[in-house]
N, C-alpha and C. Protein backbone atom coordinates (compact mmCIF):
# COMPACT_ATOMS: atom_id res chain seq x y z
N MET A 1 37.64 82.11 53.35
CA MET A 1 37.64 80.67 53.33
C MET A 1 37.77 80.08 54.72
N GLY A 2 37.65 80.88 55.76
CA GLY A 2 37.80 80.38 57.11
C GLY A 2 36.79 79.32 57.51
N ASN A 3 35.61 79.31 56.91
CA ASN A 3 34.58 78.34 57.25
C ASN A 3 34.61 77.09 56.38
N VAL A 4 35.43 77.06 55.37
CA VAL A 4 35.51 75.92 54.46
C VAL A 4 36.41 74.86 55.07
N ARG A 5 35.88 73.64 55.23
CA ARG A 5 36.67 72.57 55.84
C ARG A 5 37.23 71.62 54.80
N ALA A 6 36.65 71.58 53.61
CA ALA A 6 37.13 70.74 52.51
C ALA A 6 36.49 71.24 51.22
N ILE A 7 37.08 70.85 50.11
CA ILE A 7 36.54 71.21 48.80
C ILE A 7 36.34 69.94 48.00
N LEU A 8 35.14 69.80 47.42
CA LEU A 8 34.84 68.70 46.50
C LEU A 8 34.81 69.26 45.10
N VAL A 9 35.56 68.66 44.20
CA VAL A 9 35.65 69.14 42.83
C VAL A 9 35.04 68.10 41.91
N GLY A 10 34.04 68.50 41.14
CA GLY A 10 33.41 67.60 40.20
C GLY A 10 34.35 67.21 39.07
N LYS A 11 34.07 66.07 38.48
CA LYS A 11 34.87 65.58 37.36
C LYS A 11 34.50 66.36 36.10
N PRO A 12 35.48 66.97 35.44
CA PRO A 12 35.17 67.67 34.20
C PRO A 12 34.69 66.68 33.13
N GLN A 13 33.73 67.12 32.33
CA GLN A 13 33.23 66.25 31.27
C GLN A 13 34.37 65.89 30.34
N ASP A 14 34.51 64.60 30.07
CA ASP A 14 35.59 64.07 29.23
C ASP A 14 36.98 64.41 29.78
N LYS A 15 37.05 64.69 31.07
CA LYS A 15 38.31 65.04 31.76
C LYS A 15 39.01 66.24 31.13
N LYS A 16 38.25 67.04 30.39
CA LYS A 16 38.82 68.19 29.69
C LYS A 16 39.27 69.25 30.70
N TYR A 17 40.46 69.72 30.57
CA TYR A 17 41.07 70.77 31.39
C TYR A 17 41.30 70.37 32.84
N PHE A 18 41.26 69.06 33.17
CA PHE A 18 41.42 68.64 34.56
C PHE A 18 42.73 69.16 35.16
N ALA A 19 43.83 68.96 34.48
CA ALA A 19 45.14 69.38 35.00
C ALA A 19 45.18 70.89 35.22
N GLU A 20 44.61 71.65 34.29
CA GLU A 20 44.61 73.11 34.41
C GLU A 20 43.76 73.55 35.60
N TYR A 21 42.56 72.97 35.75
CA TYR A 21 41.69 73.31 36.88
C TYR A 21 42.39 73.00 38.21
N LYS A 22 43.03 71.84 38.26
CA LYS A 22 43.69 71.42 39.50
C LYS A 22 44.81 72.39 39.88
N GLN A 23 45.64 72.77 38.93
CA GLN A 23 46.74 73.69 39.21
C GLN A 23 46.24 75.05 39.70
N ILE A 24 45.19 75.56 39.07
CA ILE A 24 44.63 76.86 39.48
C ILE A 24 44.07 76.76 40.89
N LEU A 25 43.32 75.71 41.17
CA LEU A 25 42.72 75.54 42.50
C LEU A 25 43.80 75.38 43.57
N LEU A 26 44.81 74.59 43.30
CA LEU A 26 45.90 74.43 44.27
C LEU A 26 46.61 75.75 44.54
N LYS A 27 46.83 76.53 43.50
CA LYS A 27 47.49 77.83 43.67
C LYS A 27 46.64 78.78 44.51
N LYS A 28 45.34 78.83 44.23
CA LYS A 28 44.45 79.76 44.92
C LYS A 28 44.18 79.36 46.37
N THR A 29 44.31 78.08 46.70
CA THR A 29 43.98 77.62 48.06
C THR A 29 45.21 77.24 48.88
N ALA A 30 46.41 77.39 48.35
CA ALA A 30 47.63 76.92 49.01
C ALA A 30 47.78 77.47 50.43
N LYS A 31 47.50 78.74 50.63
CA LYS A 31 47.72 79.34 51.96
C LYS A 31 46.72 78.85 53.00
N PHE A 32 45.62 78.22 52.56
CA PHE A 32 44.60 77.74 53.50
C PHE A 32 44.81 76.28 53.91
N ASN A 33 45.62 75.54 53.13
CA ASN A 33 45.87 74.11 53.42
C ASN A 33 44.56 73.32 53.54
N THR A 34 43.63 73.59 52.65
CA THR A 34 42.32 72.95 52.66
C THR A 34 42.38 71.62 51.91
N PRO A 35 41.87 70.52 52.51
CA PRO A 35 41.85 69.25 51.78
C PRO A 35 40.91 69.34 50.58
N ILE A 36 41.33 68.74 49.47
CA ILE A 36 40.56 68.78 48.23
C ILE A 36 40.38 67.36 47.70
N LEU A 37 39.14 67.00 47.36
CA LEU A 37 38.85 65.72 46.74
C LEU A 37 38.44 66.00 45.29
N TYR A 38 39.22 65.49 44.35
CA TYR A 38 39.01 65.74 42.92
C TYR A 38 38.24 64.61 42.26
N ASN A 39 37.68 64.91 41.10
CA ASN A 39 37.01 63.93 40.22
C ASN A 39 35.80 63.27 40.86
N VAL A 40 35.05 64.02 41.64
CA VAL A 40 33.81 63.52 42.22
C VAL A 40 32.75 63.50 41.13
N ASN A 41 31.95 62.45 41.07
CA ASN A 41 30.93 62.33 40.02
C ASN A 41 29.71 63.20 40.32
N ILE A 42 29.95 64.50 40.32
CA ILE A 42 28.89 65.50 40.45
C ILE A 42 29.08 66.49 39.31
N GLY A 43 28.07 67.23 39.02
CA GLY A 43 28.21 68.24 37.98
C GLY A 43 27.86 67.71 36.60
N HIS A 44 28.75 67.92 35.64
CA HIS A 44 28.44 67.64 34.24
C HIS A 44 28.96 66.30 33.72
N ALA A 45 29.80 65.61 34.48
CA ALA A 45 30.37 64.36 34.01
C ALA A 45 29.45 63.19 34.35
N TYR A 46 29.64 62.08 33.65
CA TYR A 46 28.84 60.88 33.90
C TYR A 46 29.65 59.90 34.72
N PRO A 47 29.08 59.11 35.60
CA PRO A 47 27.68 59.20 36.02
C PRO A 47 27.50 60.39 36.95
N ARG A 48 26.32 60.95 36.95
CA ARG A 48 26.02 62.13 37.78
C ARG A 48 25.40 61.72 39.10
N THR A 49 25.72 62.46 40.12
CA THR A 49 25.14 62.25 41.44
C THR A 49 24.76 63.61 42.02
N ALA A 50 23.63 63.67 42.68
CA ALA A 50 23.21 64.91 43.34
C ALA A 50 23.71 64.89 44.78
N LEU A 51 24.17 66.03 45.26
CA LEU A 51 24.54 66.18 46.66
C LEU A 51 23.66 67.25 47.29
N PRO A 52 23.10 66.97 48.46
CA PRO A 52 22.24 67.97 49.10
C PRO A 52 23.06 69.10 49.71
N TYR A 53 22.59 70.33 49.57
CA TYR A 53 23.25 71.48 50.19
C TYR A 53 23.00 71.48 51.69
N GLY A 54 24.03 71.78 52.45
CA GLY A 54 23.89 71.97 53.88
C GLY A 54 23.79 70.71 54.72
N ALA A 55 23.83 69.55 54.13
CA ALA A 55 23.71 68.31 54.89
C ALA A 55 25.06 67.97 55.54
N LEU A 56 24.99 67.40 56.73
CA LEU A 56 26.19 66.94 57.41
C LEU A 56 26.82 65.83 56.58
N THR A 57 28.09 66.00 56.24
CA THR A 57 28.76 65.09 55.32
C THR A 57 30.10 64.64 55.90
N GLN A 58 30.43 63.38 55.68
CA GLN A 58 31.72 62.85 56.10
C GLN A 58 32.51 62.50 54.83
N ILE A 59 33.74 62.98 54.76
CA ILE A 59 34.58 62.73 53.60
C ILE A 59 35.80 61.94 54.04
N ASN A 60 36.03 60.81 53.40
CA ASN A 60 37.20 60.00 53.65
C ASN A 60 38.15 60.19 52.46
N PHE A 61 39.24 60.89 52.68
CA PHE A 61 40.18 61.19 51.60
C PHE A 61 41.08 60.00 51.28
N GLU A 62 41.12 59.02 52.16
CA GLU A 62 41.97 57.84 51.94
C GLU A 62 41.37 56.90 50.90
N LYS A 63 40.01 56.71 50.92
CA LYS A 63 39.38 55.68 50.06
C LYS A 63 39.27 56.09 48.60
N PRO A 64 38.82 57.15 48.12
CA PRO A 64 38.02 58.26 48.63
C PRO A 64 36.53 57.90 48.70
N GLU A 65 35.83 58.52 49.65
CA GLU A 65 34.42 58.20 49.88
C GLU A 65 33.71 59.39 50.50
N ILE A 66 32.47 59.60 50.08
CA ILE A 66 31.64 60.66 50.64
C ILE A 66 30.40 60.01 51.22
N LYS A 67 30.07 60.34 52.48
CA LYS A 67 28.86 59.82 53.12
C LYS A 67 28.01 61.00 53.60
N ILE A 68 26.75 60.99 53.22
CA ILE A 68 25.80 61.97 53.73
C ILE A 68 25.27 61.40 55.04
N MET A 69 25.45 62.12 56.14
CA MET A 69 25.20 61.59 57.47
C MET A 69 23.78 61.84 57.99
N GLU A 70 22.95 62.49 57.21
CA GLU A 70 21.58 62.76 57.64
C GLU A 70 20.63 62.59 56.47
N SER A 71 19.35 62.57 56.75
CA SER A 71 18.35 62.35 55.72
C SER A 71 18.42 63.44 54.66
N TRP A 72 18.27 63.03 53.40
CA TRP A 72 18.26 63.99 52.30
C TRP A 72 16.92 64.72 52.21
N PHE A 73 15.89 64.14 52.82
CA PHE A 73 14.54 64.70 52.70
C PHE A 73 14.00 65.05 54.08
N ALA A 74 13.29 66.15 54.15
CA ALA A 74 12.70 66.59 55.42
C ALA A 74 11.50 65.75 55.79
């Protein structure tokens, strides 16, 4: 996990198992002190949003907000 700078966690559909997922993730990542943003509208929950792989991204954990800093299309 040395190259991971943050983790984005999608919102579980119907918020099912959210607390369980969060506890497991916190336990597994505790020694890395990696910032985690939960309940992002990606994956299987509504509304859905696509995120491009490998794009330069800025994450504001205070708001919370995600900004893609470069073009999504070549």
